[in-house]
Amino acid sequence: MTRPPVEFGITGFGYAFGQDQDVEAAAPSYVPDPERILRWGYHSFHRAPDGVTAVDLAADAARDALERDGLAIGDVDLLVLAHSELPDYPHWDSSTALARALGSDHTETLLLNEGCASGVTGLGIVAGLLAIRPELSTVLFVAVNRVSEFHRNRMTVNNAVHSDGAVAAVLRRGHGRNRWLATEQIIDADLTDWFRTDYGGAVAPLPPEGWTGRTAPAGHERVQAHFAKDPSKLRAFAQAAVDRSIEVVDAACRRAGVTRDEVTHYVYINDPDGITDLAPLLDVPLERTNLDAARAHGHMGAADQLTALGEFTAKGSVRPGDLVALGGISIGMRWYCSLVRA
């Protein structure tokens, strides 16, 4: 195995989730065809109460991680926030707001916003910082997803039930468990506009009269329009998406100096169909994936993979030496993978 440029591992995790919601009971209030939602395989998701912000969720998860590890915010050298939804406010740094919520006015912070990918690709960014900053030892890495239901319908963005949750991981230089090995990405910039939110930004600050996120066109409509609803082109892209998901795992394995057959666990975004399609291609049994977690949590954006890894660790489902691939697909379009040695 190739030695990574810097060695760090995860010493502990913390979590914060919105209130549990039953998908079958909630779906009719979001879509006119709830049967379609039920076919995706989710049975529950989390919805944060009105007034609970992304920073609130992130702070609760961070406090949980610090308490479990017996740390205070003053022990943290770098605070990283991976945010996969719209920020609470424009022209505002939610990473420094998180530091304030945790009681610090001086902890160095970093804000990541690559959609769902940032909770995984951010590990590679932290590795780079540790490699050039020897004074950094302890990093608190927080990933959060808080759906803005004004801007979009959590059940029509794509083929996933979007959910509110946060996970925090304490990263420690030289720690031997859950060690980061490598991070790789593949992008297709031609597909950048897929799944974007059209209103609320500088181009179109206000929506047209009568527009609501609840009834706005579903995300899949832009995908179909891109291919002019040509079934052959849609099928070709679907196959390409699968191929890239495997390709990026292979690329991460090459960088880490391991082989794909050494991967013992695969953690994808919380997409039950995607997990069941991809796991066999990686020769990973479904019981060594986040399939059950996906069905229970819904898609929590950037928080999916680290939440599953933390739950695996707590249950003893991963053992020392196991090789875990954290993979996914995100806006951009971006395919990504980080490898972690348990």
Protein backbone atom coordinates (compact mmCIF):
# COMPACT_ATOMS: atom_id res chain seq x y z
CA MET A 1 0.00 0.00 0.00
CA THR A 2 1.22 3.50 -0.82
CA ARG A 3 1.76 5.56 2.31
CA PRO A 4 -0.61 8.60 2.31
CA PRO A 5 1.03 12.04 2.35
CA VAL A 6 -0.30 12.59 5.87
CA GLU A 7 -1.84 10.18 8.36
CA PHE A 8 -4.95 11.02 10.34
CA GLY A 9 -7.89 9.06 11.64
CA ILE A 10 -11.33 9.63 13.14
CA THR A 11 -11.42 9.36 16.92
CA GLY A 12 -15.16 9.87 17.37
CA PHE A 13 -18.48 10.96 15.93
CA GLY A 14 -21.49 13.04 16.94
CA TYR A 15 -24.95 13.42 15.42
CA ALA A 16 -28.00 15.64 15.24
CA PHE A 17 -31.13 14.78 13.28
CA GLY A 18 -34.44 16.46 12.61
CA GLN A 19 -37.62 14.87 13.87
CA ASP A 20 -38.38 11.40 12.50
CA GLN A 21 -41.06 11.34 9.81
CA ASP A 22 -42.80 8.37 8.22
CA VAL A 23 -42.39 8.50 4.45
CA GLU A 24 -45.70 6.82 3.68
CA ALA A 25 -47.60 9.23 5.92
CA ALA A 26 -45.74 12.35 4.77
CA ALA A 27 -45.46 11.75 1.02
CA PRO A 28 -49.03 12.80 0.08
CA SER A 29 -48.36 16.29 1.45
CA TYR A 30 -45.34 16.67 -0.86
CA VAL A 31 -46.37 14.97 -4.11
CA PRO A 32 -49.58 13.95 -5.90
CA ASP A 33 -48.19 10.46 -6.62
CA PRO A 34 -46.87 9.11 -3.29
CA GLU A 35 -46.65 5.57 -4.66
CA ARG A 36 -43.68 6.69 -6.76
CA ILE A 37 -41.88 7.89 -3.63
CA LEU A 38 -42.55 4.66 -1.76
CA ARG A 39 -40.94 2.65 -4.57
CA TRP A 40 -37.59 4.28 -3.74
CA GLY A 41 -37.37 2.17 -0.61
CA TYR A 42 -37.26 4.76 2.19
CA HIS A 43 -39.40 4.23 5.28
CA SER A 44 -38.45 7.34 7.27
CA PHE A 45 -36.62 10.66 7.05
CA HIS A 46 -35.80 13.60 9.32
CA ARG A 47 -37.42 17.02 9.20
CA ALA A 48 -36.04 19.76 11.42
CA PRO A 49 -38.67 21.87 13.19
CA ASP A 50 -39.31 25.33 11.80
CA GLY A 51 -36.75 27.73 13.21
CA VAL A 52 -34.00 25.11 13.54
CA THR A 53 -31.24 26.14 11.14
CA ALA A 54 -28.39 24.27 9.50
CA VAL A 55 -25.96 25.90 11.94
CA ASP A 56 -28.16 24.75 14.84
CA LEU A 57 -27.99 21.15 13.63
CA ALA A 58 -24.26 21.40 12.95
CA ALA A 59 -23.61 22.83 16.42
CA ASP A 60 -25.60 20.05 18.12
CA ALA A 61 -23.65 17.38 16.22
CA ALA A 62 -20.35 19.12 17.01
CA ARG A 63 -21.15 19.32 20.73
CA ASP A 64 -22.07 15.66 20.71
CA ALA A 65 -18.75 14.68 19.09
CA LEU A 66 -16.71 16.87 21.44
CA GLU A 67 -18.47 15.51 24.51
CA ARG A 68 -18.02 11.89 23.44
CA ASP A 69 -14.31 12.53 22.87
CA GLY A 70 -13.86 14.48 26.09
CA LEU A 71 -12.81 17.61 24.21
CA ALA A 72 -13.64 21.30 24.32
CA ILE A 73 -13.78 23.64 21.34
CA GLY A 74 -10.50 25.12 22.58
CA ASP A 75 -8.82 21.78 21.81
CA VAL A 76 -9.73 22.10 18.12
CA ASP A 77 -7.15 23.54 15.73
CA LEU A 78 -9.44 23.71 12.70
CA LEU A 79 -13.23 23.64 12.38
CA VAL A 80 -14.55 22.51 8.99
CA LEU A 81 -18.19 22.80 7.94
CA ALA A 82 -19.40 20.90 4.86
CA HIS A 83 -22.79 22.38 3.92
CA SER A 84 -24.85 20.74 1.18
CA GLU A 85 -27.96 22.92 1.08
CA LEU A 86 -28.70 26.62 0.73
CA PRO A 87 -26.96 28.67 3.45
CA ASP A 88 -29.04 30.14 6.25
CA TYR A 89 -28.22 33.62 4.91
CA PRO A 90 -26.44 35.00 1.82
CA HIS A 91 -23.19 36.96 2.29
CA TRP A 92 -22.61 35.02 5.52
CA ASP A 93 -20.02 32.47 6.57
CA SER A 94 -21.77 29.60 8.32
CA SER A 95 -18.46 28.06 9.41
CA THR A 96 -17.61 31.07 11.57
CA ALA A 97 -21.22 31.15 12.76
CA LEU A 98 -20.71 27.54 13.84
CA ALA A 99 -17.57 28.52 15.74
CA ARG A 100 -19.56 31.23 17.52
CA ALA A 101 -22.32 28.76 18.37
CA LEU A 102 -19.70 26.50 19.92
CA GLY A 103 -18.37 29.32 22.07
CA SER A 104 -15.22 30.21 20.15
CA ASP A 105 -14.34 33.53 18.54
CA HIS A 106 -10.90 32.53 17.29
CA THR A 107 -10.90 28.90 16.09
CA GLU A 108 -9.79 28.75 12.45
CA THR A 109 -12.63 27.64 10.18
CA LEU A 110 -13.17 26.36 6.65
CA LEU A 111 -16.46 26.28 4.72
CA LEU A 112 -17.05 23.65 2.02
CA ASN A 113 -19.99 23.77 -0.37
CA GLU A 114 -19.74 21.11 -3.07
CA GLY A 115 -23.21 19.75 -2.45
CA CYS A 116 -23.46 16.18 -1.23
CA ALA A 117 -19.82 15.57 -2.13
CA SER A 118 -18.31 17.94 0.42
CA GLY A 119 -18.77 15.56 3.36
CA VAL A 120 -16.43 13.10 1.62
CA THR A 121 -14.19 15.17 -0.64
CA GLY A 122 -13.55 17.44 2.33
CA LEU A 123 -11.46 14.69 3.91
CA GLY A 124 -8.98 15.07 1.06
CA ILE A 125 -8.90 18.83 1.56
CA VAL A 126 -8.17 18.34 5.26
CA ALA A 127 -5.36 15.94 4.31
CA GLY A 128 -3.80 18.65 2.17
CA LEU A 129 -3.98 21.19 4.99
CA LEU A 130 -2.43 18.77 7.47
CA ALA A 131 0.35 18.01 5.00
CA ILE A 132 1.45 21.65 4.78
CA ARG A 133 0.46 22.80 8.28
CA PRO A 134 2.36 20.70 10.85
CA GLU A 135 0.88 22.73 13.70
CA LEU A 136 -2.60 21.37 12.95
CA SER A 137 -3.38 18.29 15.02
CA THR A 138 -7.10 18.12 15.83
CA VAL A 139 -9.80 18.94 13.28
CA LEU A 140 -13.52 19.00 13.96
CA PHE A 141 -15.23 18.12 10.67
CA VAL A 142 -18.99 18.74 10.51
CA ALA A 143 -21.31 17.90 7.61
CA VAL A 144 -24.88 19.20 7.57
CA ASN A 145 -27.96 19.15 5.37
CA ARG A 146 -31.01 21.30 6.15
CA VAL A 147 -33.54 21.46 3.30
CA SER A 148 -35.01 24.89 2.58
CA GLU A 149 -38.59 23.94 1.81
CA PHE A 150 -39.27 27.42 0.45
CA HIS A 151 -36.78 26.78 -2.35
CA ARG A 152 -37.43 23.16 -3.16
CA ASN A 153 -39.56 20.14 -2.48
CA ARG A 154 -37.56 17.54 -0.57
CA MET A 155 -39.29 14.74 -2.48
CA THR A 156 -38.86 16.02 -6.05
CA VAL A 157 -35.21 17.11 -6.23
CA ASN A 158 -34.18 13.71 -7.57
CA ASN A 159 -35.00 10.09 -6.80
CA ALA A 160 -34.38 10.55 -3.08
CA VAL A 161 -36.22 11.76 -0.01
CA HIS A 162 -34.10 14.66 1.22
CA SER A 163 -33.60 14.80 4.95
CA ASP A 164 -32.28 17.12 7.68
CA GLY A 165 -29.28 15.95 9.69
CA ALA A 166 -25.71 16.60 10.71
CA VAL A 167 -22.68 14.51 11.63
CA ALA A 168 -19.44 15.61 13.27
CA ALA A 169 -16.16 13.70 13.21
CA VAL A 170 -13.06 14.42 15.25
CA LEU A 171 -10.02 13.99 13.02
CA ARG A 172 -6.69 13.51 14.78
CA ARG A 173 -3.23 13.49 13.23
CA GLY A 174 -1.55 10.11 13.70
CA HIS A 175 -4.67 8.33 14.98
CA GLY A 176 -4.72 4.68 13.90
CA ARG A 177 -8.44 3.95 13.50
CA ASN A 178 -10.65 5.04 10.60
CA ARG A 179 -7.59 6.39 8.81
CA TRP A 180 -7.99 8.41 5.63
CA LEU A 181 -6.06 6.90 2.70
CA ALA A 182 -7.09 8.72 -0.48
CA THR A 183 -9.72 10.91 -2.16
CA GLU A 184 -10.58 11.03 -5.87
CA GLN A 185 -13.17 12.85 -7.99
CA ILE A 186 -14.55 12.80 -11.54
CA ILE A 187 -16.63 15.69 -12.88
CA ASP A 188 -18.81 16.24 -15.92
CA ALA A 189 -19.10 20.02 -16.13
CA ASP A 190 -21.54 19.84 -19.05
CA LEU A 191 -24.15 18.77 -16.49
CA THR A 192 -23.53 21.62 -14.05
CA ASP A 193 -27.08 22.99 -14.23
CA TRP A 194 -28.81 19.79 -13.20
CA PHE A 195 -30.65 20.07 -9.88
CA ARG A 196 -29.79 23.74 -9.36
CA THR A 197 -32.20 26.02 -7.52
CA ASP A 198 -33.25 28.69 -9.98
CA TYR A 199 -34.36 31.43 -7.58
CA GLY A 200 -32.74 33.13 -4.62
CA GLY A 201 -29.31 33.80 -6.13
CA ALA A 202 -27.77 36.84 -7.83
CA VAL A 203 -29.16 35.94 -11.28
CA ALA A 204 -32.78 35.63 -10.13
CA PRO A 205 -33.13 36.85 -6.54
CA LEU A 206 -36.92 36.54 -6.49
CA PRO A 207 -39.19 33.87 -7.95
CA PRO A 208 -42.03 34.82 -10.29
CA GLU A 209 -45.45 35.48 -8.82
CA GLY A 210 -47.22 32.27 -7.88
CA TRP A 211 -44.05 30.16 -7.82
CA THR A 212 -43.50 27.79 -4.89
CA GLY A 213 -40.78 25.25 -4.21
CA ARG A 214 -43.46 22.69 -3.44
CA THR A 215 -44.87 22.80 -6.98
CA ALA A 216 -41.73 23.75 -8.96
CA PRO A 217 -40.63 21.35 -11.71
CA ALA A 218 -38.99 18.19 -10.42
CA GLY A 219 -35.27 17.75 -10.86
CA HIS A 220 -35.66 14.84 -13.26
CA GLU A 221 -37.43 17.14 -15.75
CA ARG A 222 -34.18 19.04 -16.39
CA VAL A 223 -32.36 15.72 -16.87
CA GLN A 224 -34.93 14.56 -19.41
CA ALA A 225 -34.82 17.90 -21.22
CA HIS A 226 -31.03 17.70 -21.46
CA PHE A 227 -31.38 14.48 -23.46
CA ALA A 228 -34.51 15.66 -25.29
CA LYS A 229 -36.35 12.75 -23.63
CA ASP A 230 -34.47 10.34 -25.89
CA PRO A 231 -34.68 6.94 -24.11
CA SER A 232 -31.44 5.70 -25.64
CA LYS A 233 -29.51 8.76 -24.41
CA LEU A 234 -31.06 8.47 -20.96
CA ARG A 235 -30.08 4.80 -20.75
CA ALA A 236 -26.56 5.61 -21.93
CA PHE A 237 -26.16 8.24 -19.23
CA ALA A 238 -27.55 5.91 -16.58
CA GLN A 239 -24.89 3.36 -17.53
CA ALA A 240 -22.21 6.05 -17.60
CA ALA A 241 -23.21 7.14 -14.10
CA VAL A 242 -22.75 3.58 -12.84
CA ASP A 243 -19.44 3.22 -14.66
CA ARG A 244 -18.10 6.47 -13.17
CA SER A 245 -19.17 5.43 -9.68
CA ILE A 246 -17.01 2.32 -10.02
CA GLU A 247 -14.23 4.16 -11.85
CA VAL A 248 -13.78 6.68 -9.04
CA VAL A 249 -13.48 3.87 -6.48
CA ASP A 250 -10.79 2.29 -8.66
CA ALA A 251 -8.99 5.63 -8.93
CA ALA A 252 -8.98 6.04 -5.15
CA CYS A 253 -7.68 2.49 -4.78
CA ARG A 254 -4.84 3.19 -7.20
CA ARG A 255 -3.88 6.32 -5.32
CA ALA A 256 -3.89 4.42 -2.02
CA GLY A 257 -1.95 1.49 -3.49
CA VAL A 258 -4.72 -1.04 -2.85
CA THR A 259 -7.01 -3.03 -5.12
CA ARG A 260 -10.77 -2.96 -5.45
CA ASP A 261 -11.10 -6.50 -4.11
CA GLU A 262 -9.69 -5.28 -0.78
CA VAL A 263 -12.74 -3.02 -0.24
CA THR A 264 -14.83 -4.67 2.48
CA HIS A 265 -17.56 -2.02 2.93
CA TYR A 266 -19.18 0.43 0.53
CA VAL A 267 -20.97 3.55 1.77
CA TYR A 268 -22.84 5.45 -0.94
CA ILE A 269 -25.19 8.42 -0.67
CA ASN A 270 -28.41 7.39 1.06
CA ASP A 271 -30.04 6.09 -2.12
CA PRO A 272 -31.39 2.54 -1.67
CA ASP A 273 -31.64 1.84 -5.41
CA GLY A 274 -28.13 3.14 -6.07
CA ILE A 275 -26.69 1.04 -3.26
CA THR A 276 -28.35 -2.15 -4.44
CA ASP A 277 -27.15 -1.51 -8.01
CA LEU A 278 -23.53 -0.64 -7.18
CA ALA A 279 -22.63 -2.96 -4.31
CA PRO A 280 -22.67 -6.17 -6.42
CA LEU A 281 -20.38 -4.51 -8.98
CA LEU A 282 -17.87 -3.96 -6.18
CA ASP A 283 -18.42 -7.49 -4.80
CA VAL A 284 -19.57 -6.00 -1.50
CA PRO A 285 -22.49 -7.77 0.24
CA LEU A 286 -25.47 -5.53 0.93
CA GLU A 287 -25.09 -6.10 4.67
CA ARG A 288 -21.75 -4.28 4.37
CA THR A 289 -23.34 -1.20 2.84
CA ASN A 290 -25.42 1.65 4.24
CA LEU A 291 -28.65 0.27 2.74
CA ASP A 292 -30.48 0.04 6.08
CA ALA A 293 -29.20 3.46 7.14
CA ALA A 294 -30.37 4.96 3.86
CA ARG A 295 -33.88 3.63 4.31
CA ALA A 296 -34.05 4.95 7.87
CA HIS A 297 -32.37 8.36 7.53
CA GLY A 298 -33.31 9.56 4.06
CA HIS A 299 -30.77 11.47 1.98
CA MET A 300 -28.94 13.86 4.33
CA GLY A 301 -26.71 15.36 1.65
CA ALA A 302 -23.12 15.75 2.82
CA ALA A 303 -23.89 13.98 6.10
CA ASP A 304 -24.76 10.56 4.63
CA GLN A 305 -21.42 8.78 4.48
CA LEU A 306 -19.83 9.86 7.75
CA THR A 307 -23.08 9.11 9.58
CA ALA A 308 -23.03 5.56 8.21
CA LEU A 309 -19.32 5.14 9.01
CA GLY A 310 -19.94 6.30 12.57
CA GLU A 311 -22.84 3.89 12.97
CA PHE A 312 -20.77 1.04 11.51
CA THR A 313 -18.01 1.84 13.99
CA ALA A 314 -20.36 1.99 16.98
CA LYS A 315 -21.96 -1.34 16.09
CA GLY A 316 -18.64 -3.05 15.41
CA SER A 317 -19.70 -3.69 11.81
CA VAL A 318 -16.28 -2.53 10.68
CA ARG A 319 -13.23 -4.07 12.27
CA PRO A 320 -9.63 -2.90 12.41
CA GLY A 321 -8.09 -3.36 8.97
CA ASP A 322 -11.36 -3.25 7.02
CA LEU A 323 -11.27 -0.98 3.96
CA VAL A 324 -14.30 1.29 3.60
CA ALA A 325 -15.08 3.16 0.37
CA LEU A 326 -17.13 6.33 0.89
CA GLY A 327 -18.57 7.13 -2.52
CA GLY A 328 -21.31 9.06 -4.21
CA ILE A 329 -22.57 11.37 -6.91
CA SER A 330 -23.35 15.03 -6.41
CA ILE A 331 -24.19 18.28 -8.13
CA GLY A 332 -21.51 19.40 -10.47
CA MET A 333 -21.96 16.64 -11.72
CA ARG A 334 -19.36 15.04 -9.48
CA TRP A 335 -18.50 11.43 -8.72
CA TYR A 336 -16.24 10.98 -5.71
CA CYS A 337 -14.69 8.50 -3.32
CA SER A 338 -12.59 8.57 -0.17
CA LEU A 339 -11.01 5.42 1.26
CA VAL A 340 -10.84 4.86 5.00
CA ARG A 341 -8.96 2.06 6.77
CA ALA A 342 -10.97 1.07 9.85
